[in-house]
Amino acid sequence: MAKRSKKKGAMKGCNIGNKCKSKAGGLTAKGRRMINAKTGSKLKAPQPGGGSRKKSYCARSAGQMKKFPKAAKDPNSRLRKARRRWKC
């Protein structure tokens, strides 16, 4: 079985209206399935309870907070909502 290549535009057509993105930030189960099908990736649900995935996500998103100060200041930005959902 050949592995699918990563495609640009995997998020195209994925929005809050068709319930792929959550209003609370991040993707819904439907959104993860859609992206996985398009790109062959293996996205998983958030791990707010702890563990290595949580540690890794929180470290990566902290870097995004530095890179995008405008989003870091806005409490309703998708970045801040996702960090809240992961309990960072």
PDB file of N, CA and C in Angstrom:
ATOM      1  N   MET A   1       0.844  -1.185   0.000  1.00  0.00           N
ATOM      2  CA  MET A   1       0.000   0.000   0.000  1.00  0.00           C
ATOM      3  C   MET A   1       0.887   1.245   0.000  1.00  0.00           C
ATOM      4  N   ALA A   2       0.715   2.094  -0.992  1.00  0.00           N
ATOM      5  CA  ALA A   2       1.535   3.299  -1.123  1.00  0.00           C
ATOM      6  C   ALA A   2       1.054   4.371  -0.156  1.00  0.00           C
ATOM      7  N   LYS A   3       2.010   5.077   0.408  1.00  0.00           N
ATOM      8  CA  LYS A   3       1.695   6.157   1.341  1.00  0.00           C
ATOM      9  C   LYS A   3       1.333   7.407   0.543  1.00  0.00           C
ATOM     10  N   ARG A   4       0.280   8.074   0.941  1.00  0.00           N
ATOM     11  CA  ARG A   4      -0.129   9.299   0.251  1.00  0.00           C
ATOM     12  C   ARG A   4       0.837  10.421   0.560  1.00  0.00           C
ATOM     13  N   SER A   5       1.050  11.279  -0.422  1.00  0.00           N
ATOM     14  CA  SER A   5       1.933  12.421  -0.192  1.00  0.00           C
ATOM     15  C   SER A   5       1.153  13.535   0.487  1.00  0.00           C
ATOM     16  N   LYS A   6       1.872  14.371   1.208  1.00  0.00           N
ATOM     17  CA  LYS A   6       1.239  15.511   1.863  1.00  0.00           C
ATOM     18  C   LYS A   6       0.821  16.503   0.784  1.00  0.00           C
ATOM     19  N   LYS A   7      -0.413  16.945   0.850  1.00  0.00           N
ATOM     20  CA  LYS A   7      -0.936  17.867  -0.154  1.00  0.00           C
ATOM     21  C   LYS A   7      -1.163  19.233   0.451  1.00  0.00           C
ATOM     22  N   LYS A   8      -0.907  20.251  -0.334  1.00  0.00           N
ATOM     23  CA  LYS A   8      -1.259  21.600   0.101  1.00  0.00           C
ATOM     24  C   LYS A   8      -2.763  21.744  -0.021  1.00  0.00           C
ATOM     25  N   GLY A   9      -3.327  22.552   0.833  1.00  0.00           N
ATOM     26  CA  GLY A   9      -4.759  22.805   0.763  1.00  0.00           C
ATOM     27  C   GLY A   9      -5.600  21.733   1.435  1.00  0.00           C
ATOM     28  N   ALA A  10      -5.010  20.980   2.346  1.00  0.00           N
ATOM     29  CA  ALA A  10      -5.759  19.923   3.024  1.00  0.00           C
ATOM     30  C   ALA A  10      -6.882  20.506   3.877  1.00  0.00           C
ATOM     31  N   MET A  11      -6.706  21.741   4.344  1.00  0.00           N
ATOM     32  CA  MET A  11      -7.720  22.379   5.180  1.00  0.00           C
ATOM     33  C   MET A  11      -8.797  23.067   4.347  1.00  0.00           C
ATOM     34  N   LYS A  12      -8.628  23.085   3.025  1.00  0.00           N
ATOM     35  CA  LYS A  12      -9.606  23.745   2.162  1.00  0.00           C
ATOM     36  C   LYS A  12     -10.966  23.054   2.314  1.00  0.00           C
ATOM     37  N   GLY A  13     -11.980  23.824   2.552  1.00  0.00           N
ATOM     38  CA  GLY A  13     -13.317  23.278   2.730  1.00  0.00           C
ATOM     39  C   GLY A  13     -13.616  22.877   4.166  1.00  0.00           C
ATOM     40  N   CYS A  14     -12.669  23.044   5.033  1.00  0.00           N
ATOM     41  CA  CYS A  14     -12.863  22.699   6.448  1.00  0.00           C
ATOM     42  C   CYS A  14     -13.089  24.000   7.222  1.00  0.00           C
ATOM     43  N   ASN A  15     -14.301  24.180   7.728  1.00  0.00           N
ATOM     44  CA  ASN A  15     -14.610  25.401   8.465  1.00  0.00           C
ATOM     45  C   ASN A  15     -15.603  25.107   9.585  1.00  0.00           C
ATOM     46  N   ILE A  16     -15.912  26.118  10.344  1.00  0.00           N
ATOM     47  CA  ILE A  16     -16.819  25.959  11.471  1.00  0.00           C
ATOM     48  C   ILE A  16     -18.221  25.608  10.978  1.00  0.00           C
ATOM     49  N   GLY A  17     -18.607  26.164   9.827  1.00  0.00           N
ATOM     50  CA  GLY A  17     -19.950  25.939   9.280  1.00  0.00           C
ATOM     51  C   GLY A  17     -20.253  24.479   8.987  1.00  0.00           C
ATOM     52  N   ASN A  18     -19.276  23.745   8.452  1.00  0.00           N
ATOM     53  CA  ASN A  18     -19.546  22.332   8.161  1.00  0.00           C
ATOM     54  C   ASN A  18     -19.052  21.416   9.282  1.00  0.00           C
ATOM     55  N   LYS A  19     -18.804  22.004  10.442  1.00  0.00           N
ATOM     56  CA  LYS A  19     -18.456  21.303  11.683  1.00  0.00           C
ATOM     57  C   LYS A  19     -17.135  20.539  11.609  1.00  0.00           C
ATOM     58  N   CYS A  20     -16.178  21.036  10.822  1.00  0.00           N
ATOM     59  CA  CYS A  20     -14.835  20.446  10.799  1.00  0.00           C
ATOM     60  C   CYS A  20     -13.959  21.125  11.841  1.00  0.00           C
ATOM     61  N   LYS A  21     -14.187  22.416  12.049  1.00  0.00           N
ATOM     62  CA  LYS A  21     -13.445  23.161  13.061  1.00  0.00           C
ATOM     63  C   LYS A  21     -14.375  23.445  14.232  1.00  0.00           C
ATOM     64  N   SER A  22     -13.807  23.435  15.412  1.00  0.00           N
ATOM     65  CA  SER A  22     -14.584  23.682  16.617  1.00  0.00           C
ATOM     66  C   SER A  22     -14.583  25.176  16.937  1.00  0.00           C
ATOM     67  N   LYS A  23     -15.680  25.675  17.466  1.00  0.00           N
ATOM     68  CA  LYS A  23     -15.725  27.077  17.899  1.00  0.00           C
ATOM     69  C   LYS A  23     -14.794  27.294  19.082  1.00  0.00           C
ATOM     70  N   ALA A  24     -14.513  26.222  19.821  1.00  0.00           N
ATOM     71  CA  ALA A  24     -13.629  26.312  20.982  1.00  0.00           C
ATOM     72  C   ALA A  24     -12.161  26.277  20.574  1.00  0.00           C
ATOM     73  N   GLY A  25     -11.872  26.160  19.292  1.00  0.00           N
ATOM     74  CA  GLY A  25     -10.494  26.103  18.810  1.00  0.00           C
ATOM     75  C   GLY A  25     -10.105  24.674  18.499  1.00  0.00           C
ATOM     76  N   GLY A  26      -9.408  24.462  17.408  1.00  0.00           N
ATOM     77  CA  GLY A  26      -8.976  23.125  17.018  1.00  0.00           C
ATOM     78  C   GLY A  26      -9.965  22.448  16.097  1.00  0.00           C
ATOM     79  N   LEU A  27      -9.707  21.196  15.809  1.00  0.00           N
ATOM     80  CA  LEU A  27     -10.546  20.422  14.894  1.00  0.00           C
ATOM     81  C   LEU A  27     -11.500  19.516  15.657  1.00  0.00           C
ATOM     82  N   THR A  28     -12.626  19.221  15.030  1.00  0.00           N
ATOM     83  CA  THR A  28     -13.553  18.243  15.583  1.00  0.00           C
ATOM     84  C   THR A  28     -13.120  16.863  15.084  1.00  0.00           C
ATOM     85  N   ALA A  29     -13.789  15.826  15.549  1.00  0.00           N
ATOM     86  CA  ALA A  29     -13.485  14.463  15.087  1.00  0.00           C
ATOM     87  C   ALA A  29     -13.692  14.372  13.577  1.00  0.00           C
ATOM     88  N   LYS A  30     -14.739  15.017  13.072  1.00  0.00           N
ATOM     89  CA  LYS A  30     -15.017  15.008  11.634  1.00  0.00           C
ATOM     90  C   LYS A  30     -13.883  15.688  10.874  1.00  0.00           C
ATOM     91  N   GLY A  31     -13.386  16.791  11.408  1.00  0.00           N
ATOM     92  CA  GLY A  31     -12.287  17.517  10.773  1.00  0.00           C
ATOM     93  C   GLY A  31     -11.011  16.693  10.736  1.00  0.00           C
ATOM     94  N   ARG A  32     -10.711  15.988  11.835  1.00  0.00           N
ATOM     95  CA  ARG A  32      -9.521  15.134  11.869  1.00  0.00           C
ATOM     96  C   ARG A  32      -9.635  14.013  10.847  1.00  0.00           C
ATOM     97  N   ARG A  33     -10.819  13.398  10.745  1.00  0.00           N
ATOM     98  CA  ARG A  33     -11.026  12.333   9.749  1.00  0.00           C
ATOM     99  C   ARG A  33     -10.823  12.864   8.335  1.00  0.00           C
ATOM    100  N   MET A  34     -11.347  14.067   8.080  1.00  0.00           N
ATOM    101  CA  MET A  34     -11.246  14.670   6.752  1.00  0.00           C
ATOM    102  C   MET A  34      -9.786  14.930   6.374  1.00  0.00           C
ATOM    103  N   ILE A  35      -9.018  15.524   7.279  1.00  0.00           N
ATOM    104  CA  ILE A  35      -7.614  15.823   7.026  1.00  0.00           C
ATOM    105  C   ILE A  35      -6.819  14.530   6.866  1.00  0.00           C
ATOM    106  N   ASN A  36      -7.080  13.550   7.713  1.00  0.00           N
ATOM    107  CA  ASN A  36      -6.382  12.269   7.625  1.00  0.00           C
ATOM    108  C   ASN A  36      -6.635  11.598   6.279  1.00  0.00           C
ATOM    109  N   ALA A  37      -7.873  11.666   5.799  1.00  0.00           N
ATOM    110  CA  ALA A  37      -8.212  11.050   4.519  1.00  0.00           C
ATOM    111  C   ALA A  37      -7.522  11.769   3.357  1.00  0.00           C
ATOM    112  N   LYS A  38      -7.477  13.098   3.418  1.00  0.00           N
ATOM    113  CA  LYS A  38      -6.871  13.868   2.328  1.00  0.00           C
ATOM    114  C   LYS A  38      -5.357  13.725   2.270  1.00  0.00           C
ATOM    115  N   THR A  39      -4.711  13.677   3.427  1.00  0.00           N
ATOM    116  CA  THR A  39      -3.248  13.738   3.453  1.00  0.00           C
ATOM    117  C   THR A  39      -2.566  12.441   3.857  1.00  0.00           C
ATOM    118  N   GLY A  40      -3.322  11.504   4.393  1.00  0.00           N
ATOM    119  CA  GLY A  40      -2.705  10.270   4.868  1.00  0.00           C
ATOM    120  C   GLY A  40      -2.020  10.443   6.210  1.00  0.00           C
ATOM    121  N   SER A  41      -2.290  11.557   6.898  1.00  0.00           N
ATOM    122  CA  SER A  41      -1.676  11.802   8.208  1.00  0.00           C
ATOM    123  C   SER A  41      -2.455  11.050   9.288  1.00  0.00           C
ATOM    124  N   LYS A  42      -2.006  11.157  10.529  1.00  0.00           N
ATOM    125  CA  LYS A  42      -2.640  10.439  11.633  1.00  0.00           C
ATOM    126  C   LYS A  42      -2.919  11.390  12.791  1.00  0.00           C
ATOM    127  N   LEU A  43      -3.716  12.430  12.530  1.00  0.00           N
ATOM    128  CA  LEU A  43      -4.051  13.385  13.582  1.00  0.00           C
ATOM    129  C   LEU A  43      -4.857  12.699  14.675  1.00  0.00           C
ATOM    130  N   LYS A  44      -4.590  13.062  15.897  1.00  0.00           N
ATOM    131  CA  LYS A  44      -5.291  12.487  17.044  1.00  0.00           C
ATOM    132  C   LYS A  44      -5.995  13.597  17.811  1.00  0.00           C
ATOM    133  N   ALA A  45      -6.905  13.209  18.690  1.00  0.00           N
ATOM    134  CA  ALA A  45      -7.628  14.170  19.520  1.00  0.00           C
ATOM    135  C   ALA A  45      -6.679  14.788  20.545  1.00  0.00           C
ATOM    136  N   PRO A  46      -7.009  15.967  21.088  1.00  0.00           N
ATOM    137  CA  PRO A  46      -6.169  16.584  22.107  1.00  0.00           C
ATOM    138  C   PRO A  46      -5.961  15.669  23.311  1.00  0.00           C
ATOM    139  N   GLN A  47      -4.856  15.864  24.010  1.00  0.00           N
ATOM    140  CA  GLN A  47      -4.521  15.064  25.182  1.00  0.00           C
ATOM    141  C   GLN A  47      -4.375  15.998  26.387  1.00  0.00           C
ATOM    142  N   PRO A  48      -5.473  16.597  26.843  1.00  0.00           N
ATOM    143  CA  PRO A  48      -5.364  17.569  27.931  1.00  0.00           C
ATOM    144  C   PRO A  48      -4.980  16.946  29.266  1.00  0.00           C
ATOM    145  N   GLY A  49      -5.126  15.629  29.407  1.00  0.00           N
ATOM    146  CA  GLY A  49      -4.823  14.964  30.671  1.00  0.00           C
ATOM    147  C   GLY A  49      -3.343  14.879  30.994  1.00  0.00           C
ATOM    148  N   GLY A  50      -2.488  15.089  30.034  1.00  0.00           N
ATOM    149  CA  GLY A  50      -1.051  15.016  30.266  1.00  0.00           C
ATOM    150  C   GLY A  50      -0.392  14.024  29.339  1.00  0.00           C
ATOM    151  N   GLY A  51       0.903  13.946  29.413  1.00  0.00           N
ATOM    152  CA  GLY A  51       1.641  13.025  28.566  1.00  0.00           C
ATOM    153  C   GLY A  51       2.563  13.756  27.615  1.00  0.00           C
ATOM    154  N   SER A  52       3.265  12.981  26.825  1.00  0.00           N
ATOM    155  CA  SER A  52       4.281  13.556  25.943  1.00  0.00           C
ATOM    156  C   SER A  52       3.678  14.407  24.826  1.00  0.00           C
ATOM    157  N   ARG A  53       2.501  14.015  24.293  1.00  0.00           N
ATOM    158  CA  ARG A  53       1.887  14.806  23.225  1.00  0.00           C
ATOM    159  C   ARG A  53       1.487  16.176  23.737  1.00  0.00           C
ATOM    160  N   LYS A  54       0.984  16.236  24.959  1.00  0.00           N
ATOM    161  CA  LYS A  54       0.583  17.524  25.528  1.00  0.00           C
ATOM    162  C   LYS A  54       1.802  18.411  25.711  1.00  0.00           C
ATOM    163  N   LYS A  55       2.862  17.846  26.254  1.00  0.00           N
ATOM    164  CA  LYS A  55       4.089  18.598  26.484  1.00  0.00           C
ATOM    165  C   LYS A  55       4.616  19.179  25.169  1.00  0.00           C
ATOM    166  N   SER A  56       4.618  18.337  24.148  1.00  0.00           N
ATOM    167  CA  SER A  56       5.117  18.734  22.838  1.00  0.00           C
ATOM    168  C   SER A  56       4.252  19.845  22.231  1.00  0.00           C
ATOM    169  N   TYR A  57       2.914  19.674  22.292  1.00  0.00           N
ATOM    170  CA  TYR A  57       2.010  20.682  21.730  1.00  0.00           C
ATOM    171  C   TYR A  57       2.182  22.020  22.448  1.00  0.00           C
ATOM    172  N   CYS A  58       2.236  21.975  23.762  1.00  0.00           N
ATOM    173  CA  CYS A  58       2.339  23.216  24.532  1.00  0.00           C
ATOM    174  C   CYS A  58       3.637  23.947  24.203  1.00  0.00           C
ATOM    175  N   ALA A  59       4.722  23.209  24.009  1.00  0.00           N
ATOM    176  CA  ALA A  59       5.995  23.826  23.654  1.00  0.00           C
ATOM    177  C   ALA A  59       5.921  24.453  22.263  1.00  0.00           C
ATOM    178  N   ARG A  60       5.324  23.724  21.307  1.00  0.00           N
ATOM    179  CA  ARG A  60       5.198  24.258  19.932  1.00  0.00           C
ATOM    180  C   ARG A  60       4.318  25.496  19.903  1.00  0.00           C
ATOM    181  N   SER A  61       3.193  25.433  20.611  1.00  0.00           N
ATOM    182  CA  SER A  61       2.267  26.562  20.555  1.00  0.00           C
ATOM    183  C   SER A  61       2.810  27.769  21.312  1.00  0.00           C
ATOM    184  N   ALA A  62       3.683  27.537  22.286  1.00  0.00           N
ATOM    185  CA  ALA A  62       4.327  28.665  22.968  1.00  0.00           C
ATOM    186  C   ALA A  62       5.203  29.419  21.970  1.00  0.00           C
ATOM    187  N   GLY A  63       5.839  28.699  21.061  1.00  0.00           N
ATOM    188  CA  GLY A  63       6.633  29.325  20.000  1.00  0.00           C
ATOM    189  C   GLY A  63       5.752  30.134  19.061  1.00  0.00           C
ATOM    190  N   GLN A  64       4.546  29.628  18.784  1.00  0.00           N
ATOM    191  CA  GLN A  64       3.615  30.364  17.933  1.00  0.00           C
ATOM    192  C   GLN A  64       3.173  31.647  18.620  1.00  0.00           C
ATOM    193  N   MET A  65       3.032  31.594  19.936  1.00  0.00           N
ATOM    194  CA  MET A  65       2.636  32.790  20.690  1.00  0.00           C
ATOM    195  C   MET A  65       3.703  33.872  20.543  1.00  0.00           C
ATOM    196  N   LYS A  66       4.977  33.471  20.527  1.00  0.00           N
ATOM    197  CA  LYS A  66       6.062  34.442  20.349  1.00  0.00           C
ATOM    198  C   LYS A  66       6.079  34.981  18.926  1.00  0.00           C
ATOM    199  N   LYS A  67       5.838  34.095  17.963  1.00  0.00           N
ATOM    200  CA  LYS A  67       5.914  34.480  16.550  1.00  0.00           C
ATOM    201  C   LYS A  67       4.739  35.367  16.136  1.00  0.00           C
ATOM    202  N   PHE A  68       3.583  35.131  16.735  1.00  0.00           N
ATOM    203  CA  PHE A  68       2.377  35.881  16.373  1.00  0.00           C
ATOM    204  C   PHE A  68       1.840  36.632  17.596  1.00  0.00           C
ATOM    205  N   PRO A  69       2.464  37.750  17.970  1.00  0.00           N
ATOM    206  CA  PRO A  69       2.046  38.467  19.185  1.00  0.00           C
ATOM    207  C   PRO A  69       0.610  38.987  19.126  1.00  0.00           C
ATOM    208  N   LYS A  70       0.123  39.283  17.916  1.00  0.00           N
ATOM    209  CA  LYS A  70      -1.246  39.776  17.785  1.00  0.00           C
ATOM    210  C   LYS A  70      -2.238  38.688  18.236  1.00  0.00           C
ATOM    211  N   ALA A  71      -2.001  37.455  17.813  1.00  0.00           N
ATOM    212  CA  ALA A  71      -2.862  36.338  18.213  1.00  0.00           C
ATOM    213  C   ALA A  71      -2.682  36.021  19.693  1.00  0.00           C
ATOM    214  N   ALA A  72      -1.472  36.218  20.205  1.00  0.00           N
ATOM    215  CA  ALA A  72      -1.184  35.918  21.600  1.00  0.00           C
ATOM    216  C   ALA A  72      -1.930  36.863  22.542  1.00  0.00           C
ATOM    217  N   LYS A  73      -2.168  38.089  22.089  1.00  0.00           N
ATOM    218  CA  LYS A  73      -2.855  39.083  22.922  1.00  0.00           C
ATOM    219  C   LYS A  73      -4.374  38.943  22.869  1.00  0.00           C
ATOM    220  N   ASP A  74      -4.889  38.373  21.787  1.00  0.00           N
ATOM    221  CA  ASP A  74      -6.335  38.252  21.604  1.00  0.00           C
ATOM    222  C   ASP A  74      -6.850  36.986  22.292  1.00  0.00           C
ATOM    223  N   PRO A  75      -7.662  37.109  23.338  1.00  0.00           N
ATOM    224  CA  PRO A  75      -8.132  35.915  24.056  1.00  0.00           C
ATOM    225  C   PRO A  75      -9.052  35.031  23.218  1.00  0.00           C
ATOM    226  N   ASN A  76      -9.597  35.563  22.116  1.00  0.00           N
ATOM    227  CA  ASN A  76     -10.496  34.777  21.274  1.00  0.00           C
ATOM    228  C   ASN A  76      -9.826  34.245  20.010  1.00  0.00           C
ATOM    229  N   SER A  77      -8.495  34.347  19.922  1.00  0.00           N
ATOM    230  CA  SER A  77      -7.813  33.813  18.739  1.00  0.00           C
ATOM    231  C   SER A  77      -7.830  32.290  18.792  1.00  0.00           C
ATOM    232  N   ARG A  78      -7.753  31.648  17.635  1.00  0.00           N
ATOM    233  CA  ARG A  78      -7.791  30.186  17.570  1.00  0.00           C
ATOM    234  C   ARG A  78      -6.616  29.588  18.341  1.00  0.00           C
ATOM    235  N   LEU A  79      -5.475  30.265  18.306  1.00  0.00           N
ATOM    236  CA  LEU A  79      -4.296  29.789  19.031  1.00  0.00           C
ATOM    237  C   LEU A  79      -4.568  29.736  20.533  1.00  0.00           C
ATOM    238  N   ARG A  80      -5.108  30.812  21.064  1.00  0.00           N
ATOM    239  CA  ARG A  80      -5.382  30.868  22.504  1.00  0.00           C
ATOM    240  C   ARG A  80      -6.469  29.862  22.896  1.00  0.00           C
ATOM    241  N   LYS A  81      -7.493  29.714  22.042  1.00  0.00           N
ATOM    242  CA  LYS A  81      -8.561  28.765  22.326  1.00  0.00           C
ATOM    243  C   LYS A  81      -8.024  27.337  22.347  1.00  0.00           C
ATOM    244  N   ALA A  82      -7.168  27.024  21.388  1.00  0.00           N
ATOM    245  CA  ALA A  82      -6.600  25.673  21.323  1.00  0.00           C
ATOM    246  C   ALA A  82      -5.716  25.402  22.538  1.00  0.00           C
ATOM    247  N   ARG A  83      -4.930  26.397  22.946  1.00  0.00           N
ATOM    248  CA  ARG A  83      -4.077  26.218  24.134  1.00  0.00           C
ATOM    249  C   ARG A  83      -4.937  25.997  25.382  1.00  0.00           C
ATOM    250  N   ARG A  84      -6.056  26.691  25.462  1.00  0.00           N
ATOM    251  CA  ARG A  84      -6.968  26.493  26.588  1.00  0.00           C
ATOM    252  C   ARG A  84      -7.539  25.073  26.570  1.00  0.00           C
ATOM    253  N   ARG A  85      -7.887  24.615  25.376  1.00  0.00           N
ATOM    254  CA  ARG A  85      -8.469  23.280  25.227  1.00  0.00           C
ATOM    255  C   ARG A  85      -7.461  22.196  25.632  1.00  0.00           C
ATOM    256  N   TRP A  86      -6.179  22.441  25.360  1.00  0.00           N
ATOM    257  CA  TRP A  86      -5.132  21.477  25.717  1.00  0.00           C
ATOM    258  C   TRP A  86      -4.664  21.700  27.164  1.00  0.00           C
ATOM    259  N   LYS A  87      -5.196  22.726  27.825  1.00  0.00           N
ATOM    260  CA  LYS A  87      -4.829  23.076  29.204  1.00  0.00           C
ATOM    261  C   LYS A  87      -3.347  23.378  29.342  1.00  0.00           C
ATOM    262  N   CYS A  88      -2.848  24.241  28.420  1.00  0.00           N
ATOM    263  CA  CYS A  88      -1.445  24.664  28.468  1.00  0.00           C
ATOM    264  C   CYS A  88      -1.300  25.839  29.418  1.00  0.00           C
TER     265      CYS A  88
END
